[in-house]
PDB file of all heavy atoms in Angstrom:
ATOM      1  N   ARG A   1      -2.769   4.366   8.880  1.00  0.00           N
ATOM      2  CA  ARG A   1      -4.203   4.294   9.159  1.00  0.00           C
ATOM      3  C   ARG A   1      -4.953   3.657   8.000  1.00  0.00           C
ATOM      4  O   ARG A   1      -5.823   2.796   8.194  1.00  0.00           O
ATOM      5  CB  ARG A   1      -4.765   5.685   9.454  1.00  0.00           C
ATOM      6  CG  ARG A   1      -6.237   5.643   9.869  1.00  0.00           C
ATOM      7  CD  ARG A   1      -6.752   6.983  10.328  1.00  0.00           C
ATOM      8  NE  ARG A   1      -6.598   8.047   9.367  1.00  0.00           N
ATOM      9  CZ  ARG A   1      -7.374   8.222   8.297  1.00  0.00           C
ATOM     10  NH1 ARG A   1      -8.353   7.383   8.042  1.00  0.00           N
ATOM     11  NH2 ARG A   1      -7.171   9.234   7.470  1.00  0.00           N
ATOM     12  N   LEU A   2      -4.616   4.045   6.767  1.00  0.00           N
ATOM     13  CA  LEU A   2      -5.272   3.458   5.598  1.00  0.00           C
ATOM     14  C   LEU A   2      -4.985   1.955   5.500  1.00  0.00           C
ATOM     15  O   LEU A   2      -5.864   1.170   5.137  1.00  0.00           O
ATOM     16  CB  LEU A   2      -4.824   4.173   4.320  1.00  0.00           C
ATOM     17  CG  LEU A   2      -5.277   5.629   4.170  1.00  0.00           C
ATOM     18  CD1 LEU A   2      -4.615   6.272   2.957  1.00  0.00           C
ATOM     19  CD2 LEU A   2      -6.782   5.736   4.087  1.00  0.00           C
ATOM     20  N   LYS A   3      -3.767   1.563   5.852  1.00  0.00           N
ATOM     21  CA  LYS A   3      -3.418   0.139   5.860  1.00  0.00           C
ATOM     22  C   LYS A   3      -4.207  -0.595   6.941  1.00  0.00           C
ATOM     23  O   LYS A   3      -4.778  -1.649   6.694  1.00  0.00           O
ATOM     24  CB  LYS A   3      -1.925  -0.053   6.082  1.00  0.00           C
ATOM     25  CG  LYS A   3      -1.490  -1.515   6.053  1.00  0.00           C
ATOM     26  CD  LYS A   3      -0.097  -1.719   6.555  1.00  0.00           C
ATOM     27  CE  LYS A   3       0.054  -1.616   8.030  1.00  0.00           C
ATOM     28  NZ  LYS A   3      -0.608  -2.615   8.848  1.00  0.00           N
ATOM     29  N   ASN A   4      -4.260  -0.008   8.130  1.00  0.00           N
ATOM     30  CA  ASN A   4      -4.995  -0.636   9.235  1.00  0.00           C
ATOM     31  C   ASN A   4      -6.489  -0.743   8.945  1.00  0.00           C
ATOM     32  O   ASN A   4      -7.151  -1.651   9.437  1.00  0.00           O
ATOM     33  CB  ASN A   4      -4.766   0.125  10.542  1.00  0.00           C
ATOM     34  CG  ASN A   4      -3.350  -0.036  11.058  1.00  0.00           C
ATOM     35  OD1 ASN A   4      -2.622  -0.940  10.653  1.00  0.00           O
ATOM     36  ND2 ASN A   4      -2.955   0.854  11.944  1.00  0.00           N
ATOM     37  N   ASP A   5      -7.011   0.176   8.147  1.00  0.00           N
ATOM     38  CA  ASP A   5      -8.424   0.148   7.756  1.00  0.00           C
ATOM     39  C   ASP A   5      -8.692  -0.809   6.595  1.00  0.00           C
ATOM     40  O   ASP A   5      -9.833  -0.949   6.153  1.00  0.00           O
ATOM     41  CB  ASP A   5      -8.910   1.549   7.381  1.00  0.00           C
ATOM     42  CG  ASP A   5      -9.003   2.491   8.571  1.00  0.00           C
ATOM     43  OD1 ASP A   5      -8.956   2.005   9.730  1.00  0.00           O
ATOM     44  OD2 ASP A   5      -9.112   3.715   8.353  1.00  0.00           O
ATOM     45  N   GLY A   6      -7.629  -1.420   6.073  1.00  0.00           N
ATOM     46  CA  GLY A   6      -7.784  -2.377   4.972  1.00  0.00           C
ATOM     47  C   GLY A   6      -7.879  -1.741   3.605  1.00  0.00           C
ATOM     48  O   GLY A   6      -8.190  -2.423   2.629  1.00  0.00           O
ATOM     49  N   LEU A   7      -7.602  -0.439   3.517  1.00  0.00           N
ATOM     50  CA  LEU A   7      -7.712   0.261   2.236  1.00  0.00           C
ATOM     51  C   LEU A   7      -6.430   0.156   1.416  1.00  0.00           C
ATOM     52  O   LEU A   7      -6.451   0.327   0.192  1.00  0.00           O
ATOM     53  CB  LEU A   7      -8.064   1.730   2.471  1.00  0.00           C
ATOM     54  CG  LEU A   7      -9.341   1.965   3.296  1.00  0.00           C
ATOM     55  CD1 LEU A   7      -9.539   3.449   3.547  1.00  0.00           C
ATOM     56  CD2 LEU A   7     -10.549   1.354   2.624  1.00  0.00           C
ATOM     57  N   LEU A   8      -5.322  -0.112   2.101  1.00  0.00           N
ATOM     58  CA  LEU A   8      -4.016  -0.275   1.463  1.00  0.00           C
ATOM     59  C   LEU A   8      -3.357  -1.536   1.986  1.00  0.00           C
ATOM     60  O   LEU A   8      -3.664  -2.016   3.078  1.00  0.00           O
ATOM     61  CB  LEU A   8      -3.077   0.897   1.784  1.00  0.00           C
ATOM     62  CG  LEU A   8      -3.456   2.297   1.380  1.00  0.00           C
ATOM     63  CD1 LEU A   8      -2.366   3.270   1.815  1.00  0.00           C
ATOM     64  CD2 LEU A   8      -3.686   2.388  -0.115  1.00  0.00           C
ATOM     65  N   THR A   9      -2.432  -2.022   1.211  1.00  0.00           N
ATOM     66  CA  THR A   9      -1.523  -3.069   1.642  1.00  0.00           C
ATOM     67  C   THR A   9      -0.133  -2.623   1.198  1.00  0.00           C
ATOM     68  O   THR A   9      -0.002  -1.621   0.481  1.00  0.00           O
ATOM     69  CB  THR A   9      -1.915  -4.429   1.040  1.00  0.00           C
ATOM     70  OG1 THR A   9      -1.120  -5.448   1.632  1.00  0.00           O
ATOM     71  CG2 THR A   9      -1.764  -4.462  -0.458  1.00  0.00           C
ATOM     72  N   TYR A  10       0.884  -3.321   1.630  1.00  0.00           N
ATOM     73  CA  TYR A  10       2.224  -2.945   1.198  1.00  0.00           C
ATOM     74  C   TYR A  10       3.108  -4.176   1.059  1.00  0.00           C
ATOM     75  O   TYR A  10       2.777  -5.253   1.540  1.00  0.00           O
ATOM     76  CB  TYR A  10       2.869  -1.932   2.146  1.00  0.00           C
ATOM     77  CG  TYR A  10       3.184  -2.460   3.521  1.00  0.00           C
ATOM     78  CD1 TYR A  10       4.360  -3.154   3.764  1.00  0.00           C
ATOM     79  CD2 TYR A  10       2.307  -2.265   4.578  1.00  0.00           C
ATOM     80  CE1 TYR A  10       4.647  -3.637   5.034  1.00  0.00           C
ATOM     81  CE2 TYR A  10       2.592  -2.748   5.835  1.00  0.00           C
ATOM     82  CZ  TYR A  10       3.768  -3.432   6.060  1.00  0.00           C
ATOM     83  OH  TYR A  10       4.041  -3.921   7.305  1.00  0.00           O
ATOM     84  N   ARG A  11       4.211  -3.978   0.366  1.00  0.00           N
ATOM     85  CA  ARG A  11       5.224  -5.009   0.214  1.00  0.00           C
ATOM     86  C   ARG A  11       6.588  -4.335   0.249  1.00  0.00           C
ATOM     87  O   ARG A  11       6.712  -3.146  -0.075  1.00  0.00           O
ATOM     88  CB  ARG A  11       5.031  -5.783  -1.085  1.00  0.00           C
ATOM     89  CG  ARG A  11       5.371  -4.966  -2.316  1.00  0.00           C
ATOM     90  CD  ARG A  11       5.156  -5.731  -3.623  1.00  0.00           C
ATOM     91  NE  ARG A  11       5.575  -4.944  -4.762  1.00  0.00           N
ATOM     92  CZ  ARG A  11       4.923  -3.923  -5.266  1.00  0.00           C
ATOM     93  NH1 ARG A  11       3.781  -3.528  -4.738  1.00  0.00           N
ATOM     94  NH2 ARG A  11       5.405  -3.254  -6.310  1.00  0.00           N
ATOM     95  N   TRP A  12       7.580  -5.065   0.659  1.00  0.00           N
ATOM     96  CA  TRP A  12       8.945  -4.546   0.672  1.00  0.00           C
ATOM     97  C   TRP A  12       9.647  -4.961  -0.608  1.00  0.00           C
ATOM     98  O   TRP A  12       9.503  -6.092  -1.060  1.00  0.00           O
ATOM     99  CB  TRP A  12       9.713  -5.100   1.864  1.00  0.00           C
ATOM    100  CG  TRP A  12       9.267  -4.542   3.172  1.00  0.00           C
ATOM    101  CD1 TRP A  12       8.399  -5.105   4.055  1.00  0.00           C
ATOM    102  CD2 TRP A  12       9.664  -3.290   3.741  1.00  0.00           C
ATOM    103  NE1 TRP A  12       8.229  -4.294   5.141  1.00  0.00           N
ATOM    104  CE2 TRP A  12       9.001  -3.169   4.975  1.00  0.00           C
ATOM    105  CE3 TRP A  12      10.506  -2.264   3.328  1.00  0.00           C
ATOM    106  CZ2 TRP A  12       9.161  -2.060   5.802  1.00  0.00           C
ATOM    107  CZ3 TRP A  12      10.669  -1.163   4.147  1.00  0.00           C
ATOM    108  CH2 TRP A  12      10.005  -1.064   5.355  1.00  0.00           C
ATOM    109  N   GLU A  13      10.394  -4.011  -1.187  1.00  0.00           N
ATOM    110  CA  GLU A  13      11.210  -4.309  -2.368  1.00  0.00           C
ATOM    111  C   GLU A  13      12.596  -3.745  -2.152  1.00  0.00           C
ATOM    112  O   GLU A  13      12.754  -2.655  -1.603  1.00  0.00           O
ATOM    113  CB  GLU A  13      10.613  -3.668  -3.631  1.00  0.00           C
ATOM    114  CG  GLU A  13       9.466  -4.429  -4.209  1.00  0.00           C
ATOM    115  CD  GLU A  13       9.090  -3.942  -5.607  1.00  0.00           C
ATOM    116  OE1 GLU A  13       9.913  -3.277  -6.285  1.00  0.00           O
ATOM    117  OE2 GLU A  13       7.959  -4.223  -6.011  1.00  0.00           O
ATOM    118  N   GLU A  14      13.579  -4.494  -2.620  1.00  0.00           N
ATOM    119  CA  GLU A  14      14.958  -4.010  -2.547  1.00  0.00           C
ATOM    120  C   GLU A  14      15.090  -2.760  -3.406  1.00  0.00           C
ATOM    121  O   GLU A  14      14.457  -2.634  -4.446  1.00  0.00           O
ATOM    122  CB  GLU A  14      15.934  -5.086  -3.044  1.00  0.00           C
ATOM    123  CG  GLU A  14      16.048  -6.285  -2.123  1.00  0.00           C
ATOM    124  CD  GLU A  14      16.586  -5.918  -0.745  1.00  0.00           C
ATOM    125  OE1 GLU A  14      17.497  -5.072  -0.651  1.00  0.00           O
ATOM    126  OE2 GLU A  14      16.082  -6.470   0.241  1.00  0.00           O
ATOM    127  N   SER A  15      15.905  -1.842  -2.937  1.00  0.00           N
ATOM    128  CA  SER A  15      16.143  -0.600  -3.658  1.00  0.00           C
ATOM    129  C   SER A  15      17.522  -0.655  -4.303  1.00  0.00           C
ATOM    130  O   SER A  15      18.466  -1.157  -3.697  1.00  0.00           O
ATOM    131  CB  SER A  15      16.074   0.577  -2.684  1.00  0.00           C
ATOM    132  OG  SER A  15      16.561   1.751  -3.286  1.00  0.00           O
ATOM    133  N   PRO A  16      17.664  -0.140  -5.526  1.00  0.00           N
ATOM    134  CA  PRO A  16      18.988  -0.112  -6.159  1.00  0.00           C
ATOM    135  C   PRO A  16      19.943   0.838  -5.430  1.00  0.00           C
ATOM    136  O   PRO A  16      21.154   0.713  -5.553  1.00  0.00           O
ATOM    137  CB  PRO A  16      18.706   0.367  -7.579  1.00  0.00           C
ATOM    138  CG  PRO A  16      17.368   1.029  -7.517  1.00  0.00           C
ATOM    139  CD  PRO A  16      16.626   0.414  -6.373  1.00  0.00           C
ATOM    140  N   SER A  17      19.375   1.765  -4.651  1.00  0.00           N
ATOM    141  CA  SER A  17      20.224   2.722  -3.926  1.00  0.00           C
ATOM    142  C   SER A  17      19.696   2.893  -2.509  1.00  0.00           C
ATOM    143  O   SER A  17      18.783   3.668  -2.265  1.00  0.00           O
ATOM    144  CB  SER A  17      20.239   4.067  -4.649  1.00  0.00           C
ATOM    145  OG  SER A  17      18.929   4.568  -4.747  1.00  0.00           O
ATOM    146  N   GLY A  18      20.228   2.118  -1.582  1.00  0.00           N
ATOM    147  CA  GLY A  18      19.814   2.277  -0.198  1.00  0.00           C
ATOM    148  C   GLY A  18      19.004   1.108   0.327  1.00  0.00           C
ATOM    149  O   GLY A  18      18.993   0.023  -0.253  1.00  0.00           O
ATOM    150  N   PRO A  19      18.306   1.372   1.426  1.00  0.00           N
ATOM    151  CA  PRO A  19      17.542   0.296   2.080  1.00  0.00           C
ATOM    152  C   PRO A  19      16.311  -0.107   1.268  1.00  0.00           C
ATOM    153  O   PRO A  19      15.903   0.612   0.355  1.00  0.00           O
ATOM    154  CB  PRO A  19      17.124   0.929   3.412  1.00  0.00           C
ATOM    155  CG  PRO A  19      17.136   2.398   3.158  1.00  0.00           C
ATOM    156  CD  PRO A  19      18.192   2.642   2.129  1.00  0.00           C
ATOM    157  N   PRO A  20      15.701  -1.245   1.609  1.00  0.00           N
ATOM    158  CA  PRO A  20      14.468  -1.667   0.910  1.00  0.00           C
ATOM    159  C   PRO A  20      13.371  -0.608   1.056  1.00  0.00           C
ATOM    160  O   PRO A  20      13.349   0.151   2.019  1.00  0.00           O
ATOM    161  CB  PRO A  20      14.065  -2.957   1.640  1.00  0.00           C
ATOM    162  CG  PRO A  20      15.281  -3.411   2.350  1.00  0.00           C
ATOM    163  CD  PRO A  20      16.098  -2.195   2.642  1.00  0.00           C
ATOM    164  N   ARG A  21      12.475  -0.594   0.089  1.00  0.00           N
ATOM    165  CA  ARG A  21      11.375   0.379   0.086  1.00  0.00           C
ATOM    166  C   ARG A  21      10.051  -0.334   0.311  1.00  0.00           C
ATOM    167  O   ARG A  21       9.826  -1.436  -0.179  1.00  0.00           O
ATOM    168  CB  ARG A  21      11.319   1.115  -1.251  1.00  0.00           C
ATOM    169  CG  ARG A  21      12.518   1.986  -1.489  1.00  0.00           C
ATOM    170  CD  ARG A  21      12.437   2.648  -2.828  1.00  0.00           C
ATOM    171  NE  ARG A  21      13.559   3.552  -3.003  1.00  0.00           N
ATOM    172  CZ  ARG A  21      14.016   3.963  -4.163  1.00  0.00           C
ATOM    173  NH1 ARG A  21      13.423   3.568  -5.276  1.00  0.00           N
ATOM    174  NH2 ARG A  21      15.036   4.782  -4.231  1.00  0.00           N
ATOM    175  N   LYS A  22       9.173   0.348   1.019  1.00  0.00           N
ATOM    176  CA  LYS A  22       7.832  -0.167   1.273  1.00  0.00           C
ATOM    177  C   LYS A  22       6.908   0.417   0.198  1.00  0.00           C
ATOM    178  O   LYS A  22       6.662   1.613   0.166  1.00  0.00           O
ATOM    179  CB  LYS A  22       7.358   0.259   2.659  1.00  0.00           C
ATOM    180  CG  LYS A  22       6.044  -0.373   3.083  1.00  0.00           C
ATOM    181  CD  LYS A  22       5.516   0.192   4.388  1.00  0.00           C
ATOM    182  CE  LYS A  22       6.270  -0.320   5.576  1.00  0.00           C
ATOM    183  NZ  LYS A  22       5.610   0.064   6.855  1.00  0.00           N
ATOM    184  N   TYR A  23       6.431  -0.452  -0.689  1.00  0.00           N
ATOM    185  CA  TYR A  23       5.524  -0.031  -1.753  1.00  0.00           C
ATOM    186  C   TYR A  23       4.086  -0.254  -1.304  1.00  0.00           C
ATOM    187  O   TYR A  23       3.719  -1.354  -0.902  1.00  0.00           O
ATOM    188  CB  TYR A  23       5.780  -0.825  -3.037  1.00  0.00           C
ATOM    189  CG  TYR A  23       6.952  -0.320  -3.820  1.00  0.00           C
ATOM    190  CD1 TYR A  23       8.248  -0.670  -3.477  1.00  0.00           C
ATOM    191  CD2 TYR A  23       6.762   0.530  -4.908  1.00  0.00           C
ATOM    192  CE1 TYR A  23       9.337  -0.197  -4.196  1.00  0.00           C
ATOM    193  CE2 TYR A  23       7.833   1.010  -5.640  1.00  0.00           C
ATOM    194  CZ  TYR A  23       9.117   0.645  -5.272  1.00  0.00           C
ATOM    195  OH  TYR A  23      10.185   1.126  -5.985  1.00  0.00           O
ATOM    196  N   TYR A  24       3.285   0.793  -1.402  1.00  0.00           N
ATOM    197  CA  TYR A  24       1.883   0.736  -1.019  1.00  0.00           C
ATOM    198  C   TYR A  24       1.030   0.441  -2.240  1.00  0.00           C
ATOM    199  O   TYR A  24       1.319   0.902  -3.344  1.00  0.00           O
ATOM    200  CB  TYR A  24       1.441   2.058  -0.386  1.00  0.00           C
ATOM    201  CG  TYR A  24       2.091   2.288   0.942  1.00  0.00           C
ATOM    202  CD1 TYR A  24       3.309   2.947   1.036  1.00  0.00           C
ATOM    203  CD2 TYR A  24       1.502   1.814   2.111  1.00  0.00           C
ATOM    204  CE1 TYR A  24       3.926   3.140   2.265  1.00  0.00           C
ATOM    205  CE2 TYR A  24       2.106   2.005   3.340  1.00  0.00           C
ATOM    206  CZ  TYR A  24       3.326   2.663   3.401  1.00  0.00           C
ATOM    207  OH  TYR A  24       3.925   2.845   4.623  1.00  0.00           O
ATOM    208  N   GLN A  25      -0.036  -0.338  -2.014  1.00  0.00           N
ATOM    209  CA  GLN A  25      -0.948  -0.734  -3.081  1.00  0.00           C
ATOM    210  C   GLN A  25      -2.375  -0.599  -2.556  1.00  0.00           C
ATOM    211  O   GLN A  25      -2.660  -0.955  -1.414  1.00  0.00           O
ATOM    212  CB  GLN A  25      -0.673  -2.180  -3.474  1.00  0.00           C
ATOM    213  CG  GLN A  25      -1.592  -2.731  -4.526  1.00  0.00           C
ATOM    214  CD  GLN A  25      -1.266  -4.195  -4.824  1.00  0.00           C
ATOM    215  OE1 GLN A  25      -0.643  -4.885  -4.037  1.00  0.00           O
ATOM    216  NE2 GLN A  25      -1.708  -4.655  -5.983  1.00  0.00           N
ATOM    217  N   ILE A  26      -3.260  -0.079  -3.391  1.00  0.00           N
ATOM    218  CA  ILE A  26      -4.661   0.056  -2.993  1.00  0.00           C
ATOM    219  C   ILE A  26      -5.331  -1.317  -3.072  1.00  0.00           C
ATOM    220  O   ILE A  26      -5.052  -2.099  -3.975  1.00  0.00           O
ATOM    221  CB  ILE A  26      -5.379   1.118  -3.861  1.00  0.00           C
ATOM    222  CG1 ILE A  26      -6.734   1.489  -3.273  1.00  0.00           C
ATOM    223  CG2 ILE A  26      -5.481   0.669  -5.301  1.00  0.00           C
ATOM    224  CD1 ILE A  26      -7.353   2.731  -3.894  1.00  0.00           C
ATOM    225  N   THR A  27      -6.192  -1.604  -2.115  1.00  0.00           N
ATOM    226  CA  THR A  27      -6.921  -2.875  -2.082  1.00  0.00           C
ATOM    227  C   THR A  27      -8.283  -2.716  -2.756  1.00  0.00           C
ATOM    228  O   THR A  27      -8.676  -1.598  -3.117  1.00  0.00           O
ATOM    229  CB  THR A  27      -7.142  -3.332  -0.624  1.00  0.00           C
ATOM    230  OG1 THR A  27      -7.978  -2.369   0.027  1.00  0.00           O
ATOM    231  CG2 THR A  27      -5.827  -3.501   0.120  1.00  0.00           C
ATOM    232  N   GLU A  28      -8.992  -3.806  -2.884  1.00  0.00           N
ATOM    233  CA  GLU A  28     -10.348  -3.757  -3.438  1.00  0.00           C
ATOM    234  C   GLU A  28     -11.242  -2.881  -2.560  1.00  0.00           C
ATOM    235  O   GLU A  28     -12.028  -2.076  -3.059  1.00  0.00           O
ATOM    236  CB  GLU A  28     -10.925  -5.176  -3.555  1.00  0.00           C
ATOM    237  CG  GLU A  28     -12.199  -5.255  -4.355  1.00  0.00           C
ATOM    238  CD  GLU A  28     -12.008  -4.910  -5.829  1.00  0.00           C
ATOM    239  OE1 GLU A  28     -10.955  -5.231  -6.410  1.00  0.00           O
ATOM    240  OE2 GLU A  28     -12.935  -4.299  -6.401  1.00  0.00           O
ATOM    241  N   LEU A  29     -11.107  -3.043  -1.248  1.00  0.00           N
ATOM    242  CA  LEU A  29     -11.858  -2.203  -0.307  1.00  0.00           C
ATOM    243  C   LEU A  29     -11.478  -0.728  -0.497  1.00  0.00           C
ATOM    244  O   LEU A  29     -12.330   0.161  -0.458  1.00  0.00           O
ATOM    245  CB  LEU A  29     -11.579  -2.646   1.131  1.00  0.00           C
ATOM    246  CG  LEU A  29     -12.361  -1.949   2.234  1.00  0.00           C
ATOM    247  CD1 LEU A  29     -13.860  -2.188   2.072  1.00  0.00           C
ATOM    248  CD2 LEU A  29     -11.884  -2.450   3.601  1.00  0.00           C
ATOM    249  N   GLY A  30     -10.198  -0.482  -0.738  1.00  0.00           N
ATOM    250  CA  GLY A  30      -9.723   0.876  -0.991  1.00  0.00           C
ATOM    251  C   GLY A  30     -10.319   1.455  -2.259  1.00  0.00           C
ATOM    252  O   GLY A  30     -10.681   2.634  -2.313  1.00  0.00           O
ATOM    253  N   LEU A  31     -10.442   0.639  -3.294  1.00  0.00           N
ATOM    254  CA  LEU A  31     -11.054   1.101  -4.547  1.00  0.00           C
ATOM    255  C   LEU A  31     -12.525   1.448  -4.341  1.00  0.00           C
ATOM    256  O   LEU A  31     -13.012   2.447  -4.886  1.00  0.00           O
ATOM    257  CB  LEU A  31     -10.908   0.038  -5.640  1.00  0.00           C
ATOM    258  CG  LEU A  31      -9.495  -0.163  -6.188  1.00  0.00           C
ATOM    259  CD1 LEU A  31      -9.446  -1.404  -7.079  1.00  0.00           C
ATOM    260  CD2 LEU A  31      -9.018   1.071  -6.934  1.00  0.00           C
ATOM    261  N   ASN A  32     -13.214   0.629  -3.541  1.00  0.00           N
ATOM    262  CA  ASN A  32     -14.621   0.926  -3.244  1.00  0.00           C
ATOM    263  C   ASN A  32     -14.751   2.228  -2.457  1.00  0.00           C
ATOM    264  O   ASN A  32     -15.635   3.048  -2.736  1.00  0.00           O
ATOM    265  CB  ASN A  32     -15.263  -0.224  -2.466  1.00  0.00           C
ATOM    266  CG  ASN A  32     -15.402  -1.473  -3.306  1.00  0.00           C
ATOM    267  OD1 ASN A  32     -15.481  -1.417  -4.523  1.00  0.00           O
ATOM    268  ND2 ASN A  32     -15.411  -2.619  -2.654  1.00  0.00           N
ATOM    269  N   PHE A  33     -13.870   2.406  -1.474  1.00  0.00           N
ATOM    270  CA  PHE A  33     -13.888   3.632  -0.678  1.00  0.00           C
ATOM    271  C   PHE A  33     -13.535   4.836  -1.545  1.00  0.00           C
ATOM    272  O   PHE A  33     -14.143   5.904  -1.427  1.00  0.00           O
ATOM    273  CB  PHE A  33     -12.931   3.506   0.503  1.00  0.00           C
ATOM    274  CG  PHE A  33     -12.973   4.678   1.441  1.00  0.00           C
ATOM    275  CD1 PHE A  33     -14.132   4.985   2.143  1.00  0.00           C
ATOM    276  CD2 PHE A  33     -11.856   5.478   1.628  1.00  0.00           C
ATOM    277  CE1 PHE A  33     -14.176   6.067   3.009  1.00  0.00           C
ATOM    278  CE2 PHE A  33     -11.886   6.555   2.497  1.00  0.00           C
ATOM    279  CZ  PHE A  33     -13.056   6.855   3.183  1.00  0.00           C
ATOM    280  N   LEU A  34     -12.587   4.669  -2.448  1.00  0.00           N
ATOM    281  CA  LEU A  34     -12.207   5.736  -3.374  1.00  0.00           C
ATOM    282  C   LEU A  34     -13.397   6.147  -4.238  1.00  0.00           C
ATOM    283  O   LEU A  34     -13.618   7.337  -4.474  1.00  0.00           O
ATOM    284  CB  LEU A  34     -11.037   5.292  -4.246  1.00  0.00           C
ATOM    285  CG  LEU A  34     -10.558   6.269  -5.310  1.00  0.00           C
ATOM    286  CD1 LEU A  34     -10.134   7.598  -4.698  1.00  0.00           C
ATOM    287  CD2 LEU A  34      -9.424   5.661  -6.115  1.00  0.00           C
ATOM    288  N   ALA A  35     -14.183   5.188  -4.685  1.00  0.00           N
ATOM    289  CA  ALA A  35     -15.379   5.505  -5.483  1.00  0.00           C
ATOM    290  C   ALA A  35     -16.362   6.338  -4.662  1.00  0.00           C
ATOM    291  O   ALA A  35     -16.959   7.292  -5.175  1.00  0.00           O
ATOM    292  CB  ALA A  35     -16.037   4.224  -5.978  1.00  0.00           C
ATOM    293  N   GLN A  36     -16.514   6.001  -3.384  1.00  0.00           N
ATOM    294  CA  GLN A  36     -17.400   6.780  -2.507  1.00  0.00           C
ATOM    295  C   GLN A  36     -16.857   8.195  -2.318  1.00  0.00           C
ATOM    296  O   GLN A  36     -17.622   9.172  -2.353  1.00  0.00           O
ATOM    297  CB  GLN A  36     -17.535   6.099  -1.149  1.00  0.00           C
ATOM    298  CG  GLN A  36     -18.282   4.797  -1.180  1.00  0.00           C
ATOM    299  CD  GLN A  36     -18.232   4.073   0.160  1.00  0.00           C
ATOM    300  OE1 GLN A  36     -17.810   4.620   1.161  1.00  0.00           O
ATOM    301  NE2 GLN A  36     -18.661   2.819   0.163  1.00  0.00           N
TER     302      GLN A  36
END
């Protein structure tokens, strides 16, 4: 939901143990919402 609202984005990274991992990152919009 946070991603769909534009507050987060994500990227896939290979994992040293197992399948790739989805790393979440806060967006500029997310930072503004966090301040509120």
